N, C-alpha and C. Protein backbone atom coordinates (compact mmCIF):
# COMPACT_ATOMS: atom_id res chain seq x y z
N MET A 1 19.30 -21.62 -26.54
CA MET A 1 20.09 -20.44 -26.19
C MET A 1 19.89 -20.10 -24.71
N GLU A 2 20.98 -19.79 -24.04
CA GLU A 2 20.90 -19.43 -22.62
C GLU A 2 20.12 -18.13 -22.44
N ALA A 3 19.24 -18.10 -21.48
CA ALA A 3 18.47 -16.89 -21.21
C ALA A 3 19.38 -15.79 -20.66
N LYS A 4 19.17 -14.58 -21.17
CA LYS A 4 19.87 -13.41 -20.66
C LYS A 4 18.93 -12.45 -19.93
N GLY A 5 17.63 -12.69 -20.08
CA GLY A 5 16.66 -11.82 -19.43
C GLY A 5 15.37 -12.55 -19.15
N ILE A 6 14.65 -12.09 -18.14
CA ILE A 6 13.34 -12.64 -17.79
C ILE A 6 12.35 -11.49 -17.68
N LEU A 7 11.21 -11.66 -18.33
CA LEU A 7 10.10 -10.71 -18.24
C LEU A 7 9.00 -11.31 -17.37
N PHE A 8 8.43 -10.47 -16.53
CA PHE A 8 7.38 -10.91 -15.62
C PHE A 8 6.09 -10.14 -15.88
N ASP A 9 4.98 -10.83 -15.81
CA ASP A 9 3.70 -10.18 -15.57
C ASP A 9 3.76 -9.60 -14.16
N ALA A 10 2.86 -8.69 -13.84
CA ALA A 10 2.89 -8.06 -12.51
C ALA A 10 1.90 -8.74 -11.56
N TYR A 11 0.63 -8.35 -11.66
CA TYR A 11 -0.38 -8.83 -10.70
C TYR A 11 -0.76 -10.27 -10.99
N GLY A 12 -0.73 -11.09 -9.94
CA GLY A 12 -0.95 -12.51 -10.07
C GLY A 12 0.33 -13.30 -10.27
N THR A 13 1.41 -12.58 -10.56
CA THR A 13 2.71 -13.20 -10.78
C THR A 13 3.72 -12.75 -9.74
N LEU A 14 3.95 -11.45 -9.67
CA LEU A 14 4.85 -10.89 -8.66
C LEU A 14 4.12 -10.49 -7.39
N CYS A 15 2.88 -10.05 -7.54
CA CYS A 15 2.14 -9.52 -6.39
C CYS A 15 0.66 -9.82 -6.53
N GLU A 16 -0.08 -9.51 -5.46
CA GLU A 16 -1.52 -9.71 -5.47
C GLU A 16 -2.20 -8.60 -4.68
N ILE A 17 -3.46 -8.36 -5.01
CA ILE A 17 -4.31 -7.44 -4.26
C ILE A 17 -5.10 -8.28 -3.26
N ARG A 18 -4.91 -8.04 -1.99
CA ARG A 18 -5.57 -8.85 -0.97
C ARG A 18 -7.01 -8.39 -0.71
N ASP A 19 -7.29 -7.10 -0.93
CA ASP A 19 -8.62 -6.54 -0.68
C ASP A 19 -9.16 -6.01 -2.00
N LYS A 20 -9.79 -6.87 -2.78
CA LYS A 20 -10.20 -6.51 -4.13
C LYS A 20 -11.53 -5.76 -4.12
N ARG A 21 -11.50 -4.52 -4.66
CA ARG A 21 -12.70 -3.69 -4.74
C ARG A 21 -13.10 -3.41 -6.20
N ARG A 22 -12.15 -3.47 -7.12
CA ARG A 22 -12.37 -3.31 -8.57
C ARG A 22 -13.02 -1.98 -8.95
N PRO A 23 -12.48 -0.86 -8.52
CA PRO A 23 -13.10 0.42 -8.87
C PRO A 23 -13.06 0.73 -10.36
N PHE A 24 -11.99 0.38 -11.04
CA PHE A 24 -11.93 0.65 -12.48
C PHE A 24 -12.90 -0.24 -13.25
N ALA A 25 -13.08 -1.48 -12.80
CA ALA A 25 -14.07 -2.35 -13.44
C ALA A 25 -15.48 -1.78 -13.30
N LYS A 26 -15.75 -1.14 -12.17
CA LYS A 26 -17.06 -0.52 -11.98
C LYS A 26 -17.24 0.67 -12.92
N LEU A 27 -16.17 1.42 -13.16
CA LEU A 27 -16.24 2.51 -14.14
C LEU A 27 -16.54 1.97 -15.53
N VAL A 28 -15.84 0.92 -15.90
CA VAL A 28 -16.05 0.33 -17.23
C VAL A 28 -17.49 -0.15 -17.37
N GLN A 29 -18.01 -0.81 -16.36
CA GLN A 29 -19.38 -1.32 -16.42
C GLN A 29 -20.40 -0.21 -16.55
N ALA A 30 -20.09 0.96 -15.99
CA ALA A 30 -21.02 2.09 -16.03
C ALA A 30 -20.87 2.94 -17.28
N SER A 31 -19.87 2.66 -18.10
CA SER A 31 -19.63 3.45 -19.30
C SER A 31 -20.62 3.09 -20.40
N PRO A 32 -21.07 4.07 -21.19
CA PRO A 32 -21.96 3.76 -22.31
C PRO A 32 -21.28 2.96 -23.41
N ASP A 33 -19.95 3.00 -23.47
CA ASP A 33 -19.19 2.22 -24.46
C ASP A 33 -18.17 1.38 -23.69
N ARG A 34 -18.61 0.21 -23.27
CA ARG A 34 -17.77 -0.60 -22.38
C ARG A 34 -16.50 -1.08 -23.05
N GLN A 35 -16.58 -1.46 -24.31
CA GLN A 35 -15.38 -1.96 -24.98
C GLN A 35 -14.32 -0.88 -25.09
N ARG A 36 -14.74 0.32 -25.47
CA ARG A 36 -13.79 1.43 -25.55
C ARG A 36 -13.19 1.72 -24.18
N ALA A 37 -14.03 1.75 -23.17
CA ALA A 37 -13.55 2.02 -21.81
C ALA A 37 -12.59 0.93 -21.35
N ARG A 38 -12.89 -0.31 -21.66
CA ARG A 38 -12.05 -1.44 -21.25
C ARG A 38 -10.66 -1.32 -21.87
N ASP A 39 -10.60 -0.90 -23.13
CA ASP A 39 -9.31 -0.74 -23.80
C ASP A 39 -8.54 0.46 -23.26
N LEU A 40 -9.24 1.58 -23.10
CA LEU A 40 -8.55 2.82 -22.72
C LEU A 40 -8.07 2.82 -21.28
N VAL A 41 -8.78 2.14 -20.39
CA VAL A 41 -8.43 2.21 -18.97
C VAL A 41 -7.02 1.68 -18.72
N MET A 42 -6.54 0.78 -19.60
CA MET A 42 -5.20 0.24 -19.41
C MET A 42 -4.20 0.66 -20.48
N THR A 43 -4.63 1.52 -21.42
CA THR A 43 -3.68 1.99 -22.44
C THR A 43 -3.49 3.50 -22.42
N ARG A 44 -4.06 4.15 -21.42
CA ARG A 44 -3.85 5.58 -21.21
C ARG A 44 -3.50 5.80 -19.73
N PRO A 45 -2.68 6.79 -19.42
CA PRO A 45 -2.29 7.03 -18.02
C PRO A 45 -3.34 7.81 -17.24
N PHE A 46 -4.55 7.25 -17.12
CA PHE A 46 -5.65 7.90 -16.42
C PHE A 46 -5.60 7.62 -14.93
N ASN A 47 -5.92 8.66 -14.12
CA ASN A 47 -6.32 8.36 -12.75
C ASN A 47 -7.82 8.09 -12.77
N LEU A 48 -8.40 7.81 -11.63
CA LEU A 48 -9.78 7.36 -11.59
C LEU A 48 -10.76 8.44 -12.07
N ARG A 49 -10.57 9.66 -11.65
CA ARG A 49 -11.49 10.73 -12.05
C ARG A 49 -11.32 11.08 -13.53
N GLU A 50 -10.10 11.04 -14.02
CA GLU A 50 -9.88 11.28 -15.45
C GLU A 50 -10.57 10.21 -16.28
N ALA A 51 -10.49 8.97 -15.83
CA ALA A 51 -11.16 7.88 -16.54
C ALA A 51 -12.67 8.07 -16.53
N ALA A 52 -13.23 8.49 -15.41
CA ALA A 52 -14.68 8.71 -15.32
C ALA A 52 -15.13 9.77 -16.30
N ARG A 53 -14.34 10.86 -16.43
CA ARG A 53 -14.69 11.91 -17.40
C ARG A 53 -14.58 11.39 -18.83
N GLU A 54 -13.49 10.69 -19.12
CA GLU A 54 -13.27 10.19 -20.48
C GLU A 54 -14.35 9.20 -20.89
N PHE A 55 -14.80 8.38 -19.95
CA PHE A 55 -15.79 7.34 -20.26
C PHE A 55 -17.22 7.84 -20.14
N GLU A 56 -17.40 9.12 -19.77
CA GLU A 56 -18.73 9.73 -19.65
C GLU A 56 -19.61 8.94 -18.68
N VAL A 57 -19.03 8.66 -17.53
CA VAL A 57 -19.73 7.86 -16.52
C VAL A 57 -20.57 8.76 -15.63
N ASP A 58 -21.82 8.40 -15.46
CA ASP A 58 -22.72 9.09 -14.53
C ASP A 58 -23.28 8.07 -13.54
N GLY A 59 -23.70 8.57 -12.38
CA GLY A 59 -24.41 7.72 -11.43
C GLY A 59 -23.54 6.95 -10.47
N LEU A 60 -22.23 7.16 -10.52
CA LEU A 60 -21.34 6.51 -9.56
C LEU A 60 -20.77 7.55 -8.61
N ASP A 61 -20.62 7.19 -7.37
CA ASP A 61 -20.02 8.06 -6.36
C ASP A 61 -18.50 7.91 -6.46
N LEU A 62 -17.84 8.91 -7.04
CA LEU A 62 -16.40 8.81 -7.26
C LEU A 62 -15.62 8.84 -5.96
N ASP A 63 -16.16 9.48 -4.94
CA ASP A 63 -15.48 9.46 -3.64
C ASP A 63 -15.40 8.03 -3.10
N VAL A 64 -16.49 7.29 -3.26
CA VAL A 64 -16.51 5.89 -2.81
C VAL A 64 -15.52 5.07 -3.63
N LEU A 65 -15.50 5.30 -4.95
CA LEU A 65 -14.57 4.55 -5.79
C LEU A 65 -13.12 4.87 -5.45
N GLU A 66 -12.85 6.13 -5.12
CA GLU A 66 -11.48 6.48 -4.73
C GLU A 66 -11.10 5.82 -3.41
N ASP A 67 -12.07 5.70 -2.50
CA ASP A 67 -11.80 4.96 -1.25
C ASP A 67 -11.53 3.48 -1.55
N ASP A 68 -12.30 2.93 -2.48
CA ASP A 68 -12.07 1.54 -2.89
C ASP A 68 -10.68 1.36 -3.48
N LEU A 69 -10.28 2.31 -4.32
CA LEU A 69 -8.95 2.24 -4.93
C LEU A 69 -7.86 2.32 -3.87
N ALA A 70 -8.02 3.24 -2.93
CA ALA A 70 -7.03 3.37 -1.86
C ALA A 70 -6.91 2.09 -1.05
N ALA A 71 -8.06 1.45 -0.79
CA ALA A 71 -8.03 0.19 -0.03
C ALA A 71 -7.32 -0.90 -0.81
N GLU A 72 -7.58 -0.97 -2.11
CA GLU A 72 -6.88 -1.95 -2.94
C GLU A 72 -5.37 -1.72 -2.93
N LEU A 73 -4.97 -0.49 -3.17
CA LEU A 73 -3.55 -0.19 -3.28
C LEU A 73 -2.82 -0.47 -1.96
N ALA A 74 -3.51 -0.21 -0.85
CA ALA A 74 -2.89 -0.46 0.46
C ALA A 74 -2.77 -1.95 0.76
N SER A 75 -3.51 -2.78 0.05
CA SER A 75 -3.52 -4.22 0.34
C SER A 75 -2.58 -5.02 -0.57
N ILE A 76 -1.86 -4.35 -1.45
CA ILE A 76 -0.98 -5.05 -2.40
C ILE A 76 0.22 -5.64 -1.66
N GLU A 77 0.50 -6.89 -1.94
CA GLU A 77 1.65 -7.57 -1.33
C GLU A 77 2.38 -8.40 -2.38
N LEU A 78 3.70 -8.46 -2.26
CA LEU A 78 4.47 -9.39 -3.08
C LEU A 78 4.18 -10.82 -2.62
N PHE A 79 4.20 -11.76 -3.55
CA PHE A 79 4.16 -13.16 -3.15
C PHE A 79 5.42 -13.49 -2.36
N GLU A 80 5.29 -14.43 -1.45
CA GLU A 80 6.31 -14.69 -0.43
C GLU A 80 7.70 -14.93 -1.01
N GLU A 81 7.79 -15.65 -2.12
CA GLU A 81 9.10 -16.03 -2.64
C GLU A 81 9.76 -14.97 -3.51
N VAL A 82 9.01 -13.91 -3.85
CA VAL A 82 9.47 -12.96 -4.87
C VAL A 82 10.78 -12.26 -4.52
N PRO A 83 10.94 -11.64 -3.35
CA PRO A 83 12.20 -10.93 -3.09
C PRO A 83 13.43 -11.83 -3.21
N GLU A 84 13.36 -13.02 -2.63
CA GLU A 84 14.51 -13.93 -2.68
C GLU A 84 14.83 -14.34 -4.11
N VAL A 85 13.80 -14.69 -4.88
CA VAL A 85 14.02 -15.11 -6.26
C VAL A 85 14.60 -13.98 -7.10
N LEU A 86 14.05 -12.79 -6.96
CA LEU A 86 14.54 -11.67 -7.74
C LEU A 86 15.98 -11.34 -7.40
N GLU A 87 16.32 -11.37 -6.13
CA GLU A 87 17.71 -11.10 -5.73
C GLU A 87 18.65 -12.13 -6.35
N HIS A 88 18.24 -13.39 -6.36
CA HIS A 88 19.06 -14.45 -6.94
C HIS A 88 19.25 -14.22 -8.44
N LEU A 89 18.18 -13.90 -9.13
CA LEU A 89 18.26 -13.70 -10.57
C LEU A 89 19.12 -12.49 -10.92
N ARG A 90 18.95 -11.42 -10.17
CA ARG A 90 19.76 -10.22 -10.41
C ARG A 90 21.24 -10.51 -10.14
N ALA A 91 21.54 -11.22 -9.07
CA ALA A 91 22.93 -11.53 -8.73
C ALA A 91 23.58 -12.40 -9.80
N SER A 92 22.77 -13.18 -10.51
CA SER A 92 23.30 -14.05 -11.56
C SER A 92 23.58 -13.30 -12.85
N GLY A 93 23.18 -12.03 -12.93
CA GLY A 93 23.45 -11.23 -14.11
C GLY A 93 22.32 -11.14 -15.10
N LEU A 94 21.18 -11.74 -14.81
CA LEU A 94 20.04 -11.66 -15.71
C LEU A 94 19.43 -10.27 -15.70
N ARG A 95 18.99 -9.81 -16.87
CA ARG A 95 18.24 -8.56 -16.96
C ARG A 95 16.77 -8.88 -16.71
N LEU A 96 16.10 -8.01 -15.97
CA LEU A 96 14.74 -8.29 -15.54
C LEU A 96 13.80 -7.18 -15.98
N GLY A 97 12.58 -7.55 -16.34
CA GLY A 97 11.60 -6.57 -16.75
C GLY A 97 10.18 -6.99 -16.41
N VAL A 98 9.28 -6.02 -16.47
CA VAL A 98 7.85 -6.25 -16.26
C VAL A 98 7.11 -5.91 -17.54
N VAL A 99 6.17 -6.77 -17.92
CA VAL A 99 5.24 -6.50 -19.02
C VAL A 99 3.85 -6.71 -18.46
N SER A 100 3.08 -5.63 -18.33
CA SER A 100 1.83 -5.74 -17.58
C SER A 100 0.70 -4.93 -18.20
N ASN A 101 -0.47 -5.56 -18.33
CA ASN A 101 -1.70 -4.85 -18.64
C ASN A 101 -2.21 -4.25 -17.34
N LEU A 102 -2.17 -2.92 -17.26
CA LEU A 102 -2.37 -2.31 -15.95
C LEU A 102 -2.93 -0.90 -16.07
N ALA A 103 -3.86 -0.56 -15.18
CA ALA A 103 -4.27 0.84 -15.04
C ALA A 103 -3.18 1.59 -14.26
N GLN A 104 -2.96 2.82 -14.61
CA GLN A 104 -1.82 3.59 -14.11
C GLN A 104 -1.66 3.62 -12.59
N PRO A 105 -2.72 3.77 -11.80
CA PRO A 105 -2.52 3.87 -10.35
C PRO A 105 -1.91 2.64 -9.69
N TYR A 106 -1.93 1.49 -10.37
CA TYR A 106 -1.44 0.26 -9.76
C TYR A 106 0.06 0.04 -9.93
N ALA A 107 0.72 0.88 -10.71
CA ALA A 107 2.15 0.68 -10.94
C ALA A 107 3.00 1.11 -9.75
N GLU A 108 2.77 2.30 -9.24
CA GLU A 108 3.63 2.85 -8.19
C GLU A 108 3.65 1.99 -6.92
N PRO A 109 2.51 1.49 -6.45
CA PRO A 109 2.56 0.64 -5.25
C PRO A 109 3.43 -0.61 -5.44
N LEU A 110 3.40 -1.19 -6.63
CA LEU A 110 4.26 -2.35 -6.89
C LEU A 110 5.72 -1.94 -6.87
N LEU A 111 6.04 -0.82 -7.49
CA LEU A 111 7.44 -0.36 -7.53
C LEU A 111 7.99 -0.15 -6.13
N ARG A 112 7.15 0.37 -5.24
CA ARG A 112 7.61 0.61 -3.86
C ARG A 112 7.92 -0.70 -3.13
N LEU A 113 7.25 -1.78 -3.50
CA LEU A 113 7.46 -3.06 -2.83
C LEU A 113 8.66 -3.84 -3.36
N MET A 114 9.07 -3.53 -4.58
CA MET A 114 10.13 -4.32 -5.20
C MET A 114 11.46 -4.10 -4.50
N PRO A 115 12.30 -5.14 -4.42
CA PRO A 115 13.58 -5.01 -3.72
C PRO A 115 14.60 -4.16 -4.45
N PHE A 116 14.42 -3.94 -5.75
CA PHE A 116 15.32 -3.09 -6.53
C PHE A 116 14.61 -2.72 -7.83
N ASP A 117 15.19 -1.77 -8.57
CA ASP A 117 14.62 -1.36 -9.84
C ASP A 117 14.93 -2.39 -10.92
N PHE A 118 13.95 -2.68 -11.75
CA PHE A 118 14.15 -3.57 -12.89
C PHE A 118 14.82 -2.80 -14.03
N ASP A 119 15.22 -3.56 -15.05
CA ASP A 119 15.85 -2.96 -16.23
C ASP A 119 14.81 -2.47 -17.23
N ALA A 120 13.59 -2.96 -17.14
CA ALA A 120 12.56 -2.59 -18.11
C ALA A 120 11.19 -2.63 -17.46
N TYR A 121 10.38 -1.62 -17.79
CA TYR A 121 8.98 -1.59 -17.35
C TYR A 121 8.12 -1.27 -18.56
N ALA A 122 7.45 -2.27 -19.10
CA ALA A 122 6.54 -2.06 -20.21
C ALA A 122 5.11 -2.14 -19.68
N TRP A 123 4.65 -0.99 -19.15
CA TRP A 123 3.27 -0.90 -18.67
C TRP A 123 2.35 -0.62 -19.86
N SER A 124 1.21 -1.26 -19.91
CA SER A 124 0.28 -1.01 -21.01
C SER A 124 -0.15 0.45 -21.08
N PHE A 125 -0.30 1.09 -19.92
CA PHE A 125 -0.78 2.48 -19.92
C PHE A 125 0.27 3.45 -20.46
N SER A 126 1.54 3.07 -20.46
CA SER A 126 2.58 3.94 -21.01
C SER A 126 2.95 3.55 -22.43
N VAL A 127 2.91 2.25 -22.73
CA VAL A 127 3.23 1.78 -24.08
C VAL A 127 2.06 2.02 -25.03
N GLY A 128 0.83 1.97 -24.51
CA GLY A 128 -0.35 2.13 -25.35
C GLY A 128 -0.75 0.85 -26.06
N SER A 129 -0.33 -0.27 -25.53
CA SER A 129 -0.62 -1.57 -26.13
C SER A 129 -0.88 -2.58 -25.03
N LEU A 130 -1.77 -3.53 -25.31
CA LEU A 130 -2.15 -4.56 -24.34
C LEU A 130 -1.63 -5.92 -24.78
N LYS A 131 -1.12 -6.71 -23.83
CA LYS A 131 -0.88 -8.12 -24.13
C LYS A 131 -2.22 -8.76 -24.54
N PRO A 132 -2.23 -9.62 -25.52
CA PRO A 132 -1.12 -10.32 -26.16
C PRO A 132 -0.52 -9.64 -27.38
N ASP A 133 -0.84 -8.37 -27.65
CA ASP A 133 -0.27 -7.70 -28.82
C ASP A 133 1.25 -7.68 -28.73
N SER A 134 1.89 -7.81 -29.88
CA SER A 134 3.35 -7.88 -29.90
C SER A 134 4.02 -6.56 -29.53
N ALA A 135 3.31 -5.43 -29.69
CA ALA A 135 3.95 -4.13 -29.47
C ALA A 135 4.47 -3.97 -28.05
N ILE A 136 3.74 -4.47 -27.08
CA ILE A 136 4.17 -4.29 -25.69
C ILE A 136 5.38 -5.18 -25.38
N PHE A 137 5.43 -6.36 -25.99
CA PHE A 137 6.61 -7.22 -25.82
C PHE A 137 7.82 -6.63 -26.53
N THR A 138 7.59 -6.07 -27.71
CA THR A 138 8.68 -5.43 -28.45
C THR A 138 9.26 -4.27 -27.67
N ALA A 139 8.39 -3.50 -27.01
CA ALA A 139 8.86 -2.38 -26.19
C ALA A 139 9.74 -2.87 -25.06
N ALA A 140 9.35 -3.96 -24.42
CA ALA A 140 10.14 -4.51 -23.32
C ALA A 140 11.49 -5.02 -23.80
N LEU A 141 11.51 -5.70 -24.93
CA LEU A 141 12.78 -6.20 -25.48
C LEU A 141 13.73 -5.05 -25.80
N LYS A 142 13.18 -3.97 -26.34
CA LYS A 142 14.02 -2.81 -26.65
C LYS A 142 14.63 -2.23 -25.39
N MET A 143 13.85 -2.14 -24.31
CA MET A 143 14.38 -1.63 -23.04
C MET A 143 15.47 -2.54 -22.48
N LEU A 144 15.30 -3.85 -22.65
CA LEU A 144 16.30 -4.80 -22.16
C LEU A 144 17.52 -4.87 -23.07
N ASP A 145 17.36 -4.41 -24.32
CA ASP A 145 18.40 -4.52 -25.34
C ASP A 145 18.76 -5.99 -25.56
N LEU A 146 17.72 -6.82 -25.69
CA LEU A 146 17.89 -8.24 -25.94
C LEU A 146 16.98 -8.68 -27.08
N SER A 147 17.34 -9.78 -27.72
CA SER A 147 16.50 -10.35 -28.77
C SER A 147 15.45 -11.26 -28.15
N PRO A 148 14.38 -11.56 -28.89
CA PRO A 148 13.35 -12.45 -28.34
C PRO A 148 13.90 -13.80 -27.89
N GLU A 149 14.88 -14.31 -28.62
CA GLU A 149 15.43 -15.63 -28.30
C GLU A 149 16.21 -15.64 -26.99
N GLU A 150 16.60 -14.47 -26.50
CA GLU A 150 17.41 -14.38 -25.29
C GLU A 150 16.58 -14.19 -24.02
N VAL A 151 15.25 -14.19 -24.17
CA VAL A 151 14.37 -13.80 -23.06
C VAL A 151 13.34 -14.89 -22.79
N VAL A 152 12.93 -14.98 -21.52
CA VAL A 152 11.83 -15.85 -21.09
C VAL A 152 10.76 -14.99 -20.44
N MET A 153 9.50 -15.22 -20.80
CA MET A 153 8.36 -14.51 -20.21
C MET A 153 7.66 -15.42 -19.22
N VAL A 154 7.29 -14.87 -18.06
CA VAL A 154 6.60 -15.62 -17.03
C VAL A 154 5.33 -14.88 -16.62
N GLY A 155 4.20 -15.56 -16.64
CA GLY A 155 2.96 -14.92 -16.22
C GLY A 155 1.87 -15.93 -15.94
N ASP A 156 0.82 -15.47 -15.27
CA ASP A 156 -0.25 -16.37 -14.84
C ASP A 156 -1.47 -16.35 -15.74
N THR A 157 -1.47 -15.52 -16.78
CA THR A 157 -2.60 -15.45 -17.70
C THR A 157 -2.18 -16.07 -19.02
N PHE A 158 -2.76 -17.22 -19.34
CA PHE A 158 -2.26 -18.01 -20.47
C PHE A 158 -2.32 -17.24 -21.79
N ASP A 159 -3.47 -16.69 -22.13
CA ASP A 159 -3.62 -16.03 -23.43
C ASP A 159 -2.71 -14.81 -23.54
N ALA A 160 -2.73 -13.97 -22.53
CA ALA A 160 -1.96 -12.72 -22.60
C ALA A 160 -0.47 -12.95 -22.44
N ASP A 161 -0.09 -13.74 -21.46
CA ASP A 161 1.33 -13.89 -21.12
C ASP A 161 2.02 -14.97 -21.93
N TYR A 162 1.50 -16.18 -21.87
CA TYR A 162 2.16 -17.30 -22.54
C TYR A 162 2.02 -17.19 -24.06
N GLU A 163 0.79 -17.14 -24.54
CA GLU A 163 0.59 -17.11 -25.98
C GLU A 163 1.08 -15.81 -26.59
N GLY A 164 0.88 -14.69 -25.88
CA GLY A 164 1.37 -13.42 -26.39
C GLY A 164 2.87 -13.42 -26.58
N ALA A 165 3.58 -13.93 -25.60
CA ALA A 165 5.04 -14.00 -25.70
C ALA A 165 5.47 -14.92 -26.82
N ARG A 166 4.87 -16.09 -26.91
CA ARG A 166 5.26 -17.05 -27.94
C ARG A 166 5.05 -16.47 -29.34
N LYS A 167 3.96 -15.75 -29.53
CA LYS A 167 3.70 -15.14 -30.84
C LYS A 167 4.72 -14.06 -31.17
N SER A 168 5.38 -13.53 -30.15
CA SER A 168 6.43 -12.53 -30.35
C SER A 168 7.82 -13.16 -30.41
N GLY A 169 7.88 -14.48 -30.44
CA GLY A 169 9.16 -15.17 -30.54
C GLY A 169 9.89 -15.35 -29.24
N ILE A 170 9.20 -15.14 -28.12
CA ILE A 170 9.80 -15.22 -26.79
C ILE A 170 9.41 -16.54 -26.13
N ARG A 171 10.37 -17.22 -25.54
CA ARG A 171 10.05 -18.41 -24.76
C ARG A 171 9.17 -18.00 -23.58
N ALA A 172 8.34 -18.92 -23.13
CA ALA A 172 7.39 -18.55 -22.07
C ALA A 172 7.17 -19.71 -21.11
N LEU A 173 6.88 -19.33 -19.87
CA LEU A 173 6.47 -20.27 -18.83
C LEU A 173 5.13 -19.80 -18.28
N HIS A 174 4.20 -20.71 -18.16
CA HIS A 174 2.91 -20.38 -17.55
C HIS A 174 3.01 -20.61 -16.05
N LEU A 175 2.64 -19.61 -15.27
CA LEU A 175 2.65 -19.72 -13.81
C LEU A 175 1.27 -20.15 -13.33
N ASP A 176 1.22 -21.31 -12.71
CA ASP A 176 -0.04 -21.87 -12.20
C ASP A 176 0.13 -22.14 -10.72
N ARG A 177 -0.10 -21.13 -9.90
CA ARG A 177 0.13 -21.27 -8.46
C ARG A 177 -0.79 -22.29 -7.81
N GLU A 178 -1.94 -22.54 -8.39
CA GLU A 178 -2.89 -23.49 -7.81
C GLU A 178 -2.65 -24.92 -8.26
N GLY A 179 -1.82 -25.10 -9.28
CA GLY A 179 -1.53 -26.44 -9.76
C GLY A 179 -2.69 -27.14 -10.44
N VAL A 180 -3.54 -26.36 -11.14
CA VAL A 180 -4.72 -26.95 -11.77
C VAL A 180 -4.69 -26.85 -13.29
N PHE A 181 -3.71 -26.17 -13.86
CA PHE A 181 -3.63 -25.98 -15.31
C PHE A 181 -3.27 -27.31 -15.97
N ASP A 182 -4.01 -27.67 -17.04
CA ASP A 182 -3.83 -29.01 -17.60
C ASP A 182 -3.43 -29.01 -19.07
N ARG A 183 -2.97 -27.88 -19.60
CA ARG A 183 -2.51 -27.90 -20.99
C ARG A 183 -1.03 -28.31 -21.04
N PRO A 184 -0.63 -28.98 -22.14
CA PRO A 184 0.75 -29.47 -22.23
C PRO A 184 1.73 -28.38 -22.65
N VAL A 185 1.94 -27.42 -21.77
CA VAL A 185 2.89 -26.33 -22.02
C VAL A 185 3.82 -26.22 -20.82
N PRO A 186 4.99 -25.60 -20.98
CA PRO A 186 5.89 -25.42 -19.84
C PRO A 186 5.21 -24.62 -18.72
N THR A 187 5.09 -25.24 -17.56
CA THR A 187 4.33 -24.65 -16.45
C THR A 187 5.12 -24.77 -15.16
N ILE A 188 5.05 -23.73 -14.33
CA ILE A 188 5.64 -23.76 -13.00
C ILE A 188 4.58 -23.36 -11.98
N THR A 189 4.75 -23.80 -10.74
CA THR A 189 3.80 -23.46 -9.69
C THR A 189 4.36 -22.44 -8.71
N THR A 190 5.63 -22.13 -8.84
CA THR A 190 6.28 -21.13 -7.99
C THR A 190 7.41 -20.48 -8.76
N LEU A 191 7.67 -19.21 -8.47
CA LEU A 191 8.76 -18.52 -9.14
C LEU A 191 10.13 -19.05 -8.73
N ARG A 192 10.19 -19.83 -7.67
CA ARG A 192 11.48 -20.42 -7.27
C ARG A 192 12.08 -21.28 -8.38
N LYS A 193 11.25 -21.81 -9.25
CA LYS A 193 11.74 -22.62 -10.36
C LYS A 193 12.59 -21.80 -11.33
N LEU A 194 12.48 -20.48 -11.27
CA LEU A 194 13.23 -19.64 -12.20
C LEU A 194 14.72 -19.63 -11.92
N THR A 195 15.14 -20.11 -10.77
CA THR A 195 16.58 -20.17 -10.51
C THR A 195 17.28 -21.07 -11.52
N ALA A 196 16.53 -21.94 -12.20
CA ALA A 196 17.11 -22.78 -13.24
C ALA A 196 17.61 -21.97 -14.42
N TYR A 197 17.14 -20.72 -14.55
CA TYR A 197 17.56 -19.89 -15.67
C TYR A 197 18.77 -19.02 -15.34
N ALA A 198 19.24 -19.11 -14.13
CA ALA A 198 20.44 -18.36 -13.75
C ALA A 198 21.66 -18.96 -14.44
N PRO A 199 22.54 -18.13 -15.01
CA PRO A 199 23.74 -18.66 -15.67
C PRO A 199 24.54 -19.57 -14.75
N GLY A 200 24.96 -20.69 -15.30
CA GLY A 200 25.77 -21.62 -14.53
C GLY A 200 24.97 -22.62 -13.73
N TYR A 201 23.63 -22.47 -13.74
CA TYR A 201 22.80 -23.40 -12.96
C TYR A 201 22.87 -24.80 -13.56
N ARG A 202 22.89 -25.79 -12.71
CA ARG A 202 22.84 -27.18 -13.14
C ARG A 202 21.75 -27.90 -12.35
N GLU A 203 20.94 -28.67 -13.05
CA GLU A 203 19.91 -29.45 -12.37
C GLU A 203 20.56 -30.42 -11.39
N PRO A 204 20.03 -30.56 -10.18
CA PRO A 204 20.60 -31.53 -9.23
C PRO A 204 20.48 -32.95 -9.76
N GLU A 205 21.48 -33.76 -9.49
CA GLU A 205 21.48 -35.15 -9.95
C GLU A 205 20.65 -36.02 -9.01
């Protein structure tokens, strides 16, 4: 079936953090219940101080962590090919969406960098579900108003993106920018390969 929509992971797929400080990871490590904190940090719309209160974190300088967060957010960049590829896909009539396991503060900086608004944004912090669970993929499909068979998922995390999508009935491509992935699954090294999913595309002879 011809693809009518493409879903993207966010960080590591569309964009990257150039100056990684990991302030939320430090909160999780300092929490008395790390597993609970790890789940909640990306399934609730917490800012950093709200997360610290919820996780009952003591002994961390929150001012320093907020500076770390600001440095991370300021360093976010789209991968070089992303604007051109997205413009091409949108011009071809494909519906586009994001499915991302993400802490709330990281969404807005990405949105500001994107060349246009997508048709669907299934953030884990708003949906309340983490990939590879089917609920977050189902939410994205509903926003796109497409069936699983009409959509392709692209992401750089095999378990969450590729296997999660496949378990939800969605075709998937694993993004391996380094070219080192060795499992026998559909894999691309650049998002430029997605132009093959544009309606009317024909492989060059």
